Amino acid sequence: MFTVASLFVLATMVLALLRAVRGPTVYDRIVAVNVFGTMTVLLLVLIGFLTDRPEFEDIALLYVLINFVAIIAVLKFELYSSLAGPRAASAEGATEKARDEAADGAGVDGR
């Protein structure tokens, strides 16, 4: 029974990898990678149960935390184009705008 469940999880992981490679948008790829990570955790727990090794649950919990932090970092990077967040992105935009205005002002005086 658990072998069938493991095979089903492996098949789902393969489908998630295909979606991650061929996904039409970035967000489809991010969701597919998240599904792959979740299925990896489920597979680790199933393997631990099948082999009667409870250590796999600890490894699975650690992998859940790593997967969560990685997905949040990727989404934040996709949204702001940096991991610094919205304040840094707006500060960079303000700095670029000030430089552009300064360059335009210098052109008006002819200098």
PDB file of N, CA and C in Angstrom:
ATOM      1  N   MET A   1       0.822  -1.195   0.000  1.00  0.00           N
ATOM      2  CA  MET A   1       0.000   0.000   0.000  1.00  0.00           C
ATOM      3  C   MET A   1       0.869   1.264   0.000  1.00  0.00           C
ATOM      4  N   PHE A   2       1.875   1.293   0.883  1.00  0.00           N
ATOM      5  CA  PHE A   2       2.736   2.467   0.941  1.00  0.00           C
ATOM      6  C   PHE A   2       3.665   2.538  -0.264  1.00  0.00           C
ATOM      7  N   THR A   3       3.950   1.404  -0.861  1.00  0.00           N
ATOM      8  CA  THR A   3       4.755   1.409  -2.079  1.00  0.00           C
ATOM      9  C   THR A   3       3.986   2.080  -3.208  1.00  0.00           C
ATOM     10  N   VAL A   4       2.696   1.802  -3.287  1.00  0.00           N
ATOM     11  CA  VAL A   4       1.852   2.440  -4.302  1.00  0.00           C
ATOM     12  C   VAL A   4       1.785   3.949  -4.047  1.00  0.00           C
ATOM     13  N   ALA A   5       1.668   4.324  -2.789  1.00  0.00           N
ATOM     14  CA  ALA A   5       1.648   5.750  -2.446  1.00  0.00           C
ATOM     15  C   ALA A   5       2.973   6.407  -2.827  1.00  0.00           C
ATOM     16  N   SER A   6       4.079   5.712  -2.594  1.00  0.00           N
ATOM     17  CA  SER A   6       5.390   6.256  -2.961  1.00  0.00           C
ATOM     18  C   SER A   6       5.506   6.433  -4.473  1.00  0.00           C
ATOM     19  N   LEU A   7       5.004   5.475  -5.225  1.00  0.00           N
ATOM     20  CA  LEU A   7       5.030   5.594  -6.686  1.00  0.00           C
ATOM     21  C   LEU A   7       4.156   6.755  -7.160  1.00  0.00           C
ATOM     22  N   PHE A   8       3.011   6.932  -6.517  1.00  0.00           N
ATOM     23  CA  PHE A   8       2.140   8.054  -6.855  1.00  0.00           C
ATOM     24  C   PHE A   8       2.832   9.388  -6.568  1.00  0.00           C
ATOM     25  N   VAL A   9       3.517   9.471  -5.450  1.00  0.00           N
ATOM     26  CA  VAL A   9       4.246  10.697  -5.101  1.00  0.00           C
ATOM     27  C   VAL A   9       5.370  10.942  -6.107  1.00  0.00           C
ATOM     28  N   LEU A  10       6.076   9.895  -6.502  1.00  0.00           N
ATOM     29  CA  LEU A  10       7.134  10.048  -7.511  1.00  0.00           C
ATOM     30  C   LEU A  10       6.569  10.533  -8.844  1.00  0.00           C
ATOM     31  N   ALA A  11       5.417   9.985  -9.239  1.00  0.00           N
ATOM     32  CA  ALA A  11       4.785  10.432 -10.487  1.00  0.00           C
ATOM     33  C   ALA A  11       4.384  11.903 -10.397  1.00  0.00           C
ATOM     34  N   THR A  12       3.874  12.302  -9.254  1.00  0.00           N
ATOM     35  CA  THR A  12       3.506  13.705  -9.059  1.00  0.00           C
ATOM     36  C   THR A  12       4.742  14.600  -9.105  1.00  0.00           C
ATOM     37  N   MET A  13       5.848  14.115  -8.555  1.00  0.00           N
ATOM     38  CA  MET A  13       7.091  14.889  -8.591  1.00  0.00           C
ATOM     39  C   MET A  13       7.583  15.077 -10.026  1.00  0.00           C
ATOM     40  N   VAL A  14       7.463  14.038 -10.836  1.00  0.00           N
ATOM     41  CA  VAL A  14       7.876  14.139 -12.239  1.00  0.00           C
ATOM     42  C   VAL A  14       7.001  15.156 -12.969  1.00  0.00           C
ATOM     43  N   LEU A  15       5.687  15.108 -12.723  1.00  0.00           N
ATOM     44  CA  LEU A  15       4.787  16.069 -13.360  1.00  0.00           C
ATOM     45  C   LEU A  15       5.082  17.499 -12.902  1.00  0.00           C
ATOM     46  N   ALA A  16       5.404  17.665 -11.629  1.00  0.00           N
ATOM     47  CA  ALA A  16       5.743  18.998 -11.124  1.00  0.00           C
ATOM     48  C   ALA A  16       7.037  19.504 -11.761  1.00  0.00           C
ATOM     49  N   LEU A  17       8.006  18.613 -11.943  1.00  0.00           N
ATOM     50  CA  LEU A  17       9.251  19.022 -12.610  1.00  0.00           C
ATOM     51  C   LEU A  17       9.003  19.435 -14.058  1.00  0.00           C
ATOM     52  N   LEU A  18       8.141  18.696 -14.733  1.00  0.00           N
ATOM     53  CA  LEU A  18       7.807  19.069 -16.109  1.00  0.00           C
ATOM     54  C   LEU A  18       7.148  20.441 -16.153  1.00  0.00           C
ATOM     55  N   ARG A  19       6.265  20.697 -15.202  1.00  0.00           N
ATOM     56  CA  ARG A  19       5.605  22.000 -15.150  1.00  0.00           C
ATOM     57  C   ARG A  19       6.609  23.105 -14.818  1.00  0.00           C
ATOM     58  N   ALA A  20       7.568  22.793 -13.973  1.00  0.00           N
ATOM     59  CA  ALA A  20       8.578  23.789 -13.617  1.00  0.00           C
ATOM     60  C   ALA A  20       9.455  24.140 -14.817  1.00  0.00           C
ATOM     61  N   VAL A  21       9.711  23.177 -15.663  1.00  0.00           N
ATOM     62  CA  VAL A  21      10.549  23.424 -16.837  1.00  0.00           C
ATOM     63  C   VAL A  21       9.750  24.106 -17.946  1.00  0.00           C
ATOM     64  N   ARG A  22       8.509  23.664 -18.158  1.00  0.00           N
ATOM     65  CA  ARG A  22       7.735  24.131 -19.300  1.00  0.00           C
ATOM     66  C   ARG A  22       6.636  25.123 -18.940  1.00  0.00           C
ATOM     67  N   GLY A  23       6.562  25.538 -17.687  1.00  0.00           N
ATOM     68  CA  GLY A  23       5.482  26.427 -17.264  1.00  0.00           C
ATOM     69  C   GLY A  23       5.425  27.703 -18.087  1.00  0.00           C
ATOM     70  N   PRO A  24       4.231  28.155 -18.412  1.00  0.00           N
ATOM     71  CA  PRO A  24       4.139  29.346 -19.261  1.00  0.00           C
ATOM     72  C   PRO A  24       4.563  30.637 -18.555  1.00  0.00           C
ATOM     73  N   THR A  25       4.358  30.724 -17.250  1.00  0.00           N
ATOM     74  CA  THR A  25       4.742  31.945 -16.538  1.00  0.00           C
ATOM     75  C   THR A  25       5.702  31.606 -15.405  1.00  0.00           C
ATOM     76  N   VAL A  26       6.307  32.645 -14.863  1.00  0.00           N
ATOM     77  CA  VAL A  26       7.232  32.466 -13.745  1.00  0.00           C
ATOM     78  C   VAL A  26       6.488  31.921 -12.532  1.00  0.00           C
ATOM     79  N   TYR A  27       5.273  32.401 -12.327  1.00  0.00           N
ATOM     80  CA  TYR A  27       4.519  31.975 -11.152  1.00  0.00           C
ATOM     81  C   TYR A  27       4.108  30.504 -11.243  1.00  0.00           C
ATOM     82  N   ASP A  28       3.824  30.017 -12.445  1.00  0.00           N
ATOM     83  CA  ASP A  28       3.563  28.586 -12.618  1.00  0.00           C
ATOM     84  C   ASP A  28       4.790  27.771 -12.241  1.00  0.00           C
ATOM     85  N   ARG A  29       5.944  28.261 -12.619  1.00  0.00           N
ATOM     86  CA  ARG A  29       7.186  27.556 -12.280  1.00  0.00           C
ATOM     87  C   ARG A  29       7.447  27.569 -10.781  1.00  0.00           C
ATOM     88  N   ILE A  30       7.165  28.696 -10.129  1.00  0.00           N
ATOM     89  CA  ILE A  30       7.371  28.786  -8.686  1.00  0.00           C
ATOM     90  C   ILE A  30       6.443  27.830  -7.955  1.00  0.00           C
ATOM     91  N   VAL A  31       5.181  27.778  -8.368  1.00  0.00           N
ATOM     92  CA  VAL A  31       4.229  26.854  -7.738  1.00  0.00           C
ATOM     93  C   VAL A  31       4.656  25.409  -7.977  1.00  0.00           C
ATOM     94  N   ALA A  32       5.141  25.109  -9.176  1.00  0.00           N
ATOM     95  CA  ALA A  32       5.580  23.744  -9.468  1.00  0.00           C
ATOM     96  C   ALA A  32       6.773  23.345  -8.605  1.00  0.00           C
ATOM     97  N   VAL A  33       7.701  24.260  -8.395  1.00  0.00           N
ATOM     98  CA  VAL A  33       8.846  23.960  -7.532  1.00  0.00           C
ATOM     99  C   VAL A  33       8.385  23.769  -6.092  1.00  0.00           C
ATOM    100  N   ASN A  34       7.400  24.557  -5.666  1.00  0.00           N
ATOM    101  CA  ASN A  34       6.853  24.397  -4.323  1.00  0.00           C
ATOM    102  C   ASN A  34       6.158  23.043  -4.171  1.00  0.00           C
ATOM    103  N   VAL A  35       5.406  22.635  -5.186  1.00  0.00           N
ATOM    104  CA  VAL A  35       4.763  21.312  -5.162  1.00  0.00           C
ATOM    105  C   VAL A  35       5.819  20.218  -5.129  1.00  0.00           C
ATOM    106  N   PHE A  36       6.884  20.387  -5.897  1.00  0.00           N
ATOM    107  CA  PHE A  36       7.962  19.400  -5.893  1.00  0.00           C
ATOM    108  C   PHE A  36       8.578  19.279  -4.503  1.00  0.00           C
ATOM    109  N   GLY A  37       8.802  20.407  -3.845  1.00  0.00           N
ATOM    110  CA  GLY A  37       9.355  20.378  -2.490  1.00  0.00           C
ATOM    111  C   GLY A  37       8.422  19.701  -1.506  1.00  0.00           C
ATOM    112  N   THR A  38       7.133  19.971  -1.624  1.00  0.00           N
ATOM    113  CA  THR A  38       6.155  19.336  -0.741  1.00  0.00           C
ATOM    114  C   THR A  38       6.101  17.831  -0.971  1.00  0.00           C
ATOM    115  N   MET A  39       6.141  17.427  -2.221  1.00  0.00           N
ATOM    116  CA  MET A  39       6.120  15.993  -2.522  1.00  0.00           C
ATOM    117  C   MET A  39       7.409  15.315  -2.060  1.00  0.00           C
ATOM    118  N   THR A  40       8.512  16.037  -2.089  1.00  0.00           N
ATOM    119  CA  THR A  40       9.766  15.484  -1.573  1.00  0.00           C
ATOM    120  C   THR A  40       9.654  15.204  -0.085  1.00  0.00           C
ATOM    121  N   VAL A  41       9.033  16.123   0.638  1.00  0.00           N
ATOM    122  CA  VAL A  41       8.820  15.922   2.075  1.00  0.00           C
ATOM    123  C   VAL A  41       7.935  14.708   2.310  1.00  0.00           C
ATOM    124  N   LEU A  42       6.867  14.601   1.542  1.00  0.00           N
ATOM    125  CA  LEU A  42       5.971  13.449   1.683  1.00  0.00           C
ATOM    126  C   LEU A  42       6.694  12.147   1.364  1.00  0.00           C
ATOM    127  N   LEU A  43       7.536  12.163   0.343  1.00  0.00           N
ATOM    128  CA  LEU A  43       8.300  10.967  -0.003  1.00  0.00           C
ATOM    129  C   LEU A  43       9.284  10.600   1.104  1.00  0.00           C
ATOM    130  N   LEU A  44       9.923  11.589   1.703  1.00  0.00           N
ATOM    131  CA  LEU A  44      10.836  11.311   2.820  1.00  0.00           C
ATOM    132  C   LEU A  44      10.099  10.661   3.989  1.00  0.00           C
ATOM    133  N   VAL A  45       8.918  11.162   4.298  1.00  0.00           N
ATOM    134  CA  VAL A  45       8.140  10.582   5.396  1.00  0.00           C
ATOM    135  C   VAL A  45       7.706   9.160   5.048  1.00  0.00           C
ATOM    136  N   LEU A  46       7.291   8.927   3.817  1.00  0.00           N
ATOM    137  CA  LEU A  46       6.900   7.573   3.410  1.00  0.00           C
ATOM    138  C   LEU A  46       8.080   6.609   3.462  1.00  0.00           C
ATOM    139  N   ILE A  47       9.232   7.041   3.001  1.00  0.00           N
ATOM    140  CA  ILE A  47      10.414   6.175   3.053  1.00  0.00           C
ATOM    141  C   ILE A  47      10.784   5.876   4.497  1.00  0.00           C
ATOM    142  N   GLY A  48      10.701   6.892   5.345  1.00  0.00           N
ATOM    143  CA  GLY A  48      10.976   6.670   6.765  1.00  0.00           C
ATOM    144  C   GLY A  48      10.010   5.682   7.391  1.00  0.00           C
ATOM    145  N   PHE A  49       8.751   5.747   6.991  1.00  0.00           N
ATOM    146  CA  PHE A  49       7.768   4.804   7.519  1.00  0.00           C
ATOM    147  C   PHE A  49       8.015   3.394   6.993  1.00  0.00           C
ATOM    148  N   LEU A  50       8.329   3.290   5.706  1.00  0.00           N
ATOM    149  CA  LEU A  50       8.559   1.969   5.113  1.00  0.00           C
ATOM    150  C   LEU A  50       9.793   1.288   5.687  1.00  0.00           C
ATOM    151  N   THR A  51      10.822   2.051   5.978  1.00  0.00           N
ATOM    152  CA  THR A  51      12.059   1.465   6.498  1.00  0.00           C
ATOM    153  C   THR A  51      12.113   1.459   8.024  1.00  0.00           C
ATOM    154  N   ASP A  52      11.048   1.953   8.655  1.00  0.00           N
ATOM    155  CA  ASP A  52      10.947   2.008  10.116  1.00  0.00           C
ATOM    156  C   ASP A  52      12.101   2.816  10.715  1.00  0.00           C
ATOM    157  N   ARG A  53      12.328   3.990  10.115  1.00  0.00           N
ATOM    158  CA  ARG A  53      13.378   4.896  10.602  1.00  0.00           C
ATOM    159  C   ARG A  53      12.759   6.264  10.855  1.00  0.00           C
ATOM    160  N   PRO A  54      12.492   6.590  12.103  1.00  0.00           N
ATOM    161  CA  PRO A  54      11.835   7.868  12.414  1.00  0.00           C
ATOM    162  C   PRO A  54      12.719   9.097  12.185  1.00  0.00           C
ATOM    163  N   GLU A  55      14.010   8.897  11.938  1.00  0.00           N
ATOM    164  CA  GLU A  55      14.893  10.038  11.681  1.00  0.00           C
ATOM    165  C   GLU A  55      14.485  10.791  10.422  1.00  0.00           C
ATOM    166  N   PHE A  56      13.841  10.090   9.508  1.00  0.00           N
ATOM    167  CA  PHE A  56      13.430  10.721   8.260  1.00  0.00           C
ATOM    168  C   PHE A  56      12.398  11.820   8.502  1.00  0.00           C
ATOM    169  N   GLU A  57      11.639  11.719   9.583  1.00  0.00           N
ATOM    170  CA  GLU A  57      10.676  12.771   9.903  1.00  0.00           C
ATOM    171  C   GLU A  57      11.401  14.068  10.254  1.00  0.00           C
ATOM    172  N   ASP A  58      12.503  13.956  10.974  1.00  0.00           N
ATOM    173  CA  ASP A  58      13.288  15.147  11.309  1.00  0.00           C
ATOM    174  C   ASP A  58      13.883  15.784  10.054  1.00  0.00           C
ATOM    175  N   ILE A  59      14.372  14.948   9.164  1.00  0.00           N
ATOM    176  CA  ILE A  59      14.921  15.451   7.907  1.00  0.00           C
ATOM    177  C   ILE A  59      13.820  16.123   7.092  1.00  0.00           C
ATOM    178  N   ALA A  60      12.631  15.529   7.095  1.00  0.00           N
ATOM    179  CA  ALA A  60      11.507  16.101   6.352  1.00  0.00           C
ATOM    180  C   ALA A  60      11.107  17.459   6.930  1.00  0.00           C
ATOM    181  N   LEU A  61      11.098  17.585   8.249  1.00  0.00           N
ATOM    182  CA  LEU A  61      10.769  18.872   8.868  1.00  0.00           C
ATOM    183  C   LEU A  61      11.789  19.947   8.499  1.00  0.00           C
ATOM    184  N   LEU A  62      13.045  19.576   8.497  1.00  0.00           N
ATOM    185  CA  LEU A  62      14.085  20.519   8.105  1.00  0.00           C
ATOM    186  C   LEU A  62      13.909  20.941   6.646  1.00  0.00           C
ATOM    187  N   TYR A  63      13.568  19.988   5.805  1.00  0.00           N
ATOM    188  CA  TYR A  63      13.366  20.291   4.396  1.00  0.00           C
ATOM    189  C   TYR A  63      12.151  21.194   4.194  1.00  0.00           C
ATOM    190  N   VAL A  64      11.114  21.020   5.016  1.00  0.00           N
ATOM    191  CA  VAL A  64       9.945  21.903   4.936  1.00  0.00           C
ATOM    192  C   VAL A  64      10.353  23.342   5.229  1.00  0.00           C
ATOM    193  N   LEU A  65      11.159  23.532   6.258  1.00  0.00           N
ATOM    194  CA  LEU A  65      11.601  24.885   6.602  1.00  0.00           C
ATOM    195  C   LEU A  65      12.457  25.496   5.494  1.00  0.00           C
ATOM    196  N   ILE A  66      13.362  24.712   4.936  1.00  0.00           N
ATOM    197  CA  ILE A  66      14.211  25.205   3.850  1.00  0.00           C
ATOM    198  C   ILE A  66      13.359  25.552   2.629  1.00  0.00           C
ATOM    199  N   ASN A  67      12.399  24.697   2.311  1.00  0.00           N
ATOM    200  CA  ASN A  67      11.515  24.931   1.171  1.00  0.00           C
ATOM    201  C   ASN A  67      10.708  26.211   1.373  1.00  0.00           C
ATOM    202  N   PHE A  68      10.187  26.416   2.569  1.00  0.00           N
ATOM    203  CA  PHE A  68       9.388  27.606   2.859  1.00  0.00           C
ATOM    204  C   PHE A  68      10.217  28.876   2.709  1.00  0.00           C
ATOM    205  N   VAL A  69      11.388  28.898   3.299  1.00  0.00           N
ATOM    206  CA  VAL A  69      12.241  30.088   3.222  1.00  0.00           C
ATOM    207  C   VAL A  69      12.671  30.348   1.778  1.00  0.00           C
ATOM    208  N   ALA A  70      12.985  29.304   1.046  1.00  0.00           N
ATOM    209  CA  ALA A  70      13.417  29.471  -0.342  1.00  0.00           C
ATOM    210  C   ALA A  70      12.295  30.028  -1.212  1.00  0.00           C
ATOM    211  N   ILE A  71      11.085  29.535  -1.039  1.00  0.00           N
ATOM    212  CA  ILE A  71       9.965  30.021  -1.842  1.00  0.00           C
ATOM    213  C   ILE A  71       9.668  31.482  -1.513  1.00  0.00           C
ATOM    214  N   ILE A  72       9.710  31.842  -0.229  1.00  0.00           N
ATOM    215  CA  ILE A  72       9.491  33.239   0.146  1.00  0.00           C
ATOM    216  C   ILE A  72      10.573  34.128  -0.471  1.00  0.00           C
ATOM    217  N   ALA A  73      11.814  33.680  -0.452  1.00  0.00           N
ATOM    218  CA  ALA A  73      12.908  34.466  -1.035  1.00  0.00           C
ATOM    219  C   ALA A  73      12.736  34.623  -2.543  1.00  0.00           C
ATOM    220  N   VAL A  74      12.344  33.566  -3.224  1.00  0.00           N
ATOM    221  CA  VAL A  74      12.155  33.640  -4.674  1.00  0.00           C
ATOM    222  C   VAL A  74      11.005  34.580  -5.018  1.00  0.00           C
ATOM    223  N   LEU A  75       9.899  34.482  -4.276  1.00  0.00           N
ATOM    224  CA  LEU A  75       8.771  35.372  -4.536  1.00  0.00           C
ATOM    225  C   LEU A  75       9.127  36.828  -4.250  1.00  0.00           C
ATOM    226  N   LYS A  76       9.869  37.066  -3.189  1.00  0.00           N
ATOM    227  CA  LYS A  76      10.290  38.427  -2.861  1.00  0.00           C
ATOM    228  C   LYS A  76      11.224  38.970  -3.939  1.00  0.00           C
ATOM    229  N   PHE A  77      12.122  38.138  -4.411  1.00  0.00           N
ATOM    230  CA  PHE A  77      13.023  38.561  -5.477  1.00  0.00           C
ATOM    231  C   PHE A  77      12.250  38.851  -6.758  1.00  0.00           C
ATOM    232  N   GLU A  78      11.260  38.016  -7.066  1.00  0.00           N
ATOM    233  CA  GLU A  78      10.455  38.221  -8.271  1.00  0.00           C
ATOM    234  C   GLU A  78       9.655  39.520  -8.178  1.00  0.00           C
ATOM    235  N   LEU A  79       9.159  39.830  -6.994  1.00  0.00           N
ATOM    236  CA  LEU A  79       8.335  41.021  -6.822  1.00  0.00           C
ATOM    237  C   LEU A  79       9.152  42.305  -6.847  1.00  0.00           C
ATOM    238  N   TYR A  80      10.283  42.327  -6.141  1.00  0.00           N
ATOM    239  CA  TYR A  80      11.056  43.562  -5.992  1.00  0.00           C
ATOM    240  C   TYR A  80      12.356  43.578  -6.789  1.00  0.00           C
ATOM    241  N   SER A  81      12.697  42.519  -7.458  1.00  0.00           N
ATOM    242  CA  SER A  81      13.955  42.378  -8.197  1.00  0.00           C
ATOM    243  C   SER A  81      15.173  42.489  -7.295  1.00  0.00           C
ATOM    244  N   SER A  82      14.969  42.322  -5.997  1.00  0.00           N
ATOM    245  CA  SER A  82      16.064  42.222  -5.038  1.00  0.00           C
ATOM    246  C   SER A  82      15.492  41.607  -3.773  1.00  0.00           C
ATOM    247  N   LEU A  83      16.358  41.124  -2.925  1.00  0.00           N
ATOM    248  CA  LEU A  83      15.897  40.531  -1.679  1.00  0.00           C
ATOM    249  C   LEU A  83      15.771  41.563  -0.567  1.00  0.00           C
ATOM    250  N   ALA A  84      16.092  42.830  -0.861  1.00  0.00           N
ATOM    251  CA  ALA A  84      16.061  43.868   0.163  1.00  0.00           C
ATOM    252  C   ALA A  84      14.647  44.299   0.522  1.00  0.00           C
ATOM    253  N   GLY A  85      13.707  44.209  -0.394  1.00  0.00           N
ATOM    254  CA  GLY A  85      12.335  44.556  -0.089  1.00  0.00           C
ATOM    255  C   GLY A  85      11.876  45.837  -0.758  1.00  0.00           C
ATOM    256  N   PRO A  86      10.659  46.288  -0.411  1.00  0.00           N
ATOM    257  CA  PRO A  86      10.078  47.436  -1.115  1.00  0.00           C
ATOM    258  C   PRO A  86      10.782  48.754  -0.825  1.00  0.00           C
ATOM    259  N   ARG A  87      11.299  48.930   0.374  1.00  0.00           N
ATOM    260  CA  ARG A  87      11.961  50.200   0.696  1.00  0.00           C
ATOM    261  C   ARG A  87      13.214  50.390  -0.142  1.00  0.00           C
ATOM    262  N   ALA A  88      13.991  49.341  -0.277  1.00  0.00           N
ATOM    263  CA  ALA A  88      15.218  49.443  -1.078  1.00  0.00           C
ATOM    264  C   ALA A  88      14.875  49.660  -2.544  1.00  0.00           C
ATOM    265  N   ALA A  89      13.823  48.991  -3.022  1.00  0.00           N
ATOM    266  CA  ALA A  89      13.432  49.158  -4.420  1.00  0.00           C
ATOM    267  C   ALA A  89      12.960  50.584  -4.675  1.00  0.00           C
ATOM    268  N   SER A  90      12.187  51.167  -3.738  1.00  0.00           N
ATOM    269  CA  SER A  90      11.734  52.542  -3.930  1.00  0.00           C
ATOM    270  C   SER A  90      12.891  53.523  -3.770  1.00  0.00           C
ATOM    271  N   ALA A  91      13.846  53.224  -2.895  1.00  0.00           N
ATOM    272  CA  ALA A  91      15.011  54.095  -2.733  1.00  0.00           C
ATOM    273  C   ALA A  91      15.867  54.082  -3.991  1.00  0.00           C
ATOM    274  N   GLU A  92      16.019  52.909  -4.599  1.00  0.00           N
ATOM    275  CA  GLU A  92      16.776  52.831  -5.842  1.00  0.00           C
ATOM    276  C   GLU A  92      16.069  53.610  -6.937  1.00  0.00           C
ATOM    277  N   GLY A  93      14.743  53.488  -6.984  1.00  0.00           N
ATOM    278  CA  GLY A  93      13.974  54.229  -7.980  1.00  0.00           C
ATOM    279  C   GLY A  93      14.075  55.726  -7.763  1.00  0.00           C
ATOM    280  N   ALA A  94      14.050  56.168  -6.497  1.00  0.00           N
ATOM    281  CA  ALA A  94      14.171  57.596  -6.190  1.00  0.00           C
ATOM    282  C   ALA A  94      15.550  58.110  -6.567  1.00  0.00           C
ATOM    283  N   THR A  95      16.579  57.311  -6.324  1.00  0.00           N
ATOM    284  CA  THR A  95      17.940  57.717  -6.677  1.00  0.00           C
ATOM    285  C   THR A  95      18.081  57.857  -8.190  1.00  0.00           C
ATOM    286  N   GLU A  96      17.532  56.899  -8.924  1.00  0.00           N
ATOM    287  CA  GLU A  96      17.598  56.977 -10.383  1.00  0.00           C
ATOM    288  C   GLU A  96      16.809  58.176 -10.895  1.00  0.00           C
ATOM    289  N   LYS A  97      15.659  58.446 -10.284  1.00  0.00           N
ATOM    290  CA  LYS A  97      14.845  59.585 -10.697  1.00  0.00           C
ATOM    291  C   LYS A  97      15.588  60.891 -10.433  1.00  0.00           C
ATOM    292  N   ALA A  98      16.254  61.003  -9.281  1.00  0.00           N
ATOM    293  CA  ALA A  98      17.018  62.211  -8.962  1.00  0.00           C
ATOM    294  C   ALA A  98      18.164  62.403  -9.948  1.00  0.00           C
ATOM    295  N   ARG A  99      18.821  61.303 -10.323  1.00  0.00           N
ATOM    296  CA  ARG A  99      19.906  61.396 -11.305  1.00  0.00           C
ATOM    297  C   ARG A  99      19.377  61.859 -12.662  1.00  0.00           C
ATOM    298  N   ASP A 100      18.225  61.312 -13.053  1.00  0.00           N
ATOM    299  CA  ASP A 100      17.634  61.708 -14.331  1.00  0.00           C
ATOM    300  C   ASP A 100      17.242  63.181 -14.326  1.00  0.00           C
ATOM    301  N   GLU A 101      16.644  63.632 -13.211  1.00  0.00           N
ATOM    302  CA  GLU A 101      16.253  65.035 -13.119  1.00  0.00           C
ATOM    303  C   GLU A 101      17.480  65.942 -13.114  1.00  0.00           C
ATOM    304  N   ALA A 102      18.535  65.520 -12.439  1.00  0.00           N
ATOM    305  CA  ALA A 102      19.765  66.313 -12.417  1.00  0.00           C
ATOM    306  C   ALA A 102      20.374  66.390 -13.810  1.00  0.00           C
ATOM    307  N   ALA A 103      20.324  65.290 -14.529  1.00  0.00           N
ATOM    308  CA  ALA A 103      20.870  65.284 -15.889  1.00  0.00           C
ATOM    309  C   ALA A 103      20.029  66.165 -16.800  1.00  0.00           C
ATOM    310  N   ASP A 104      18.707  66.142 -16.639  1.00  0.00           N
ATOM    311  CA  ASP A 104      17.839  66.999 -17.443  1.00  0.00           C
ATOM    312  C   ASP A 104      18.054  68.468 -17.106  1.00  0.00           C
ATOM    313  N   GLY A 105      18.258  68.765 -15.830  1.00  0.00           N
ATOM    314  CA  GLY A 105      18.499  70.150 -15.409  1.00  0.00           C
ATOM    315  C   GLY A 105      19.803  70.691 -15.953  1.00  0.00           C
ATOM    316  N   ALA A 106      20.814  69.847 -16.036  1.00  0.00           N
ATOM    317  CA  ALA A 106      22.108  70.283 -16.570  1.00  0.00           C
ATOM    318  C   ALA A 106      21.993  70.592 -18.050  1.00  0.00           C
ATOM    319  N   GLY A 107      21.133  69.878 -18.746  1.00  0.00           N
ATOM    320  CA  GLY A 107      20.961  70.107 -20.177  1.00  0.00           C
ATOM    321  C   GLY A 107      20.230  71.405 -20.472  1.00  0.00           C
ATOM    322  N   VAL A 108      19.382  71.868 -19.552  1.00  0.00           N
ATOM    323  CA  VAL A 108      18.619  73.098 -19.769  1.00  0.00           C
ATOM    324  C   VAL A 108      19.537  74.309 -19.768  1.00  0.00           C
ATOM    325  N   ASP A 109      20.498  74.339 -18.847  1.00  0.00           N
ATOM    326  CA  ASP A 109      21.413  75.472 -18.752  1.00  0.00           C
ATOM    327  C   ASP A 109      22.477  75.443 -19.849  1.00  0.00           C
ATOM    328  N   GLY A 110      22.582  74.360 -20.541  1.00  0.00           N
ATOM    329  CA  GLY A 110      23.574  74.249 -21.595  1.00  0.00           C
ATOM    330  C   GLY A 110      24.936  73.834 -21.097  1.00  0.00           C
ATOM    331  N   ARG A 111      25.038  73.414 -19.863  1.00  0.00           N
ATOM    332  CA  ARG A 111      26.335  72.984 -19.319  1.00  0.00           C
ATOM    333  C   ARG A 111      26.511  71.518 -19.459  1.00  0.00           C
TER     334      ARG A 111
END
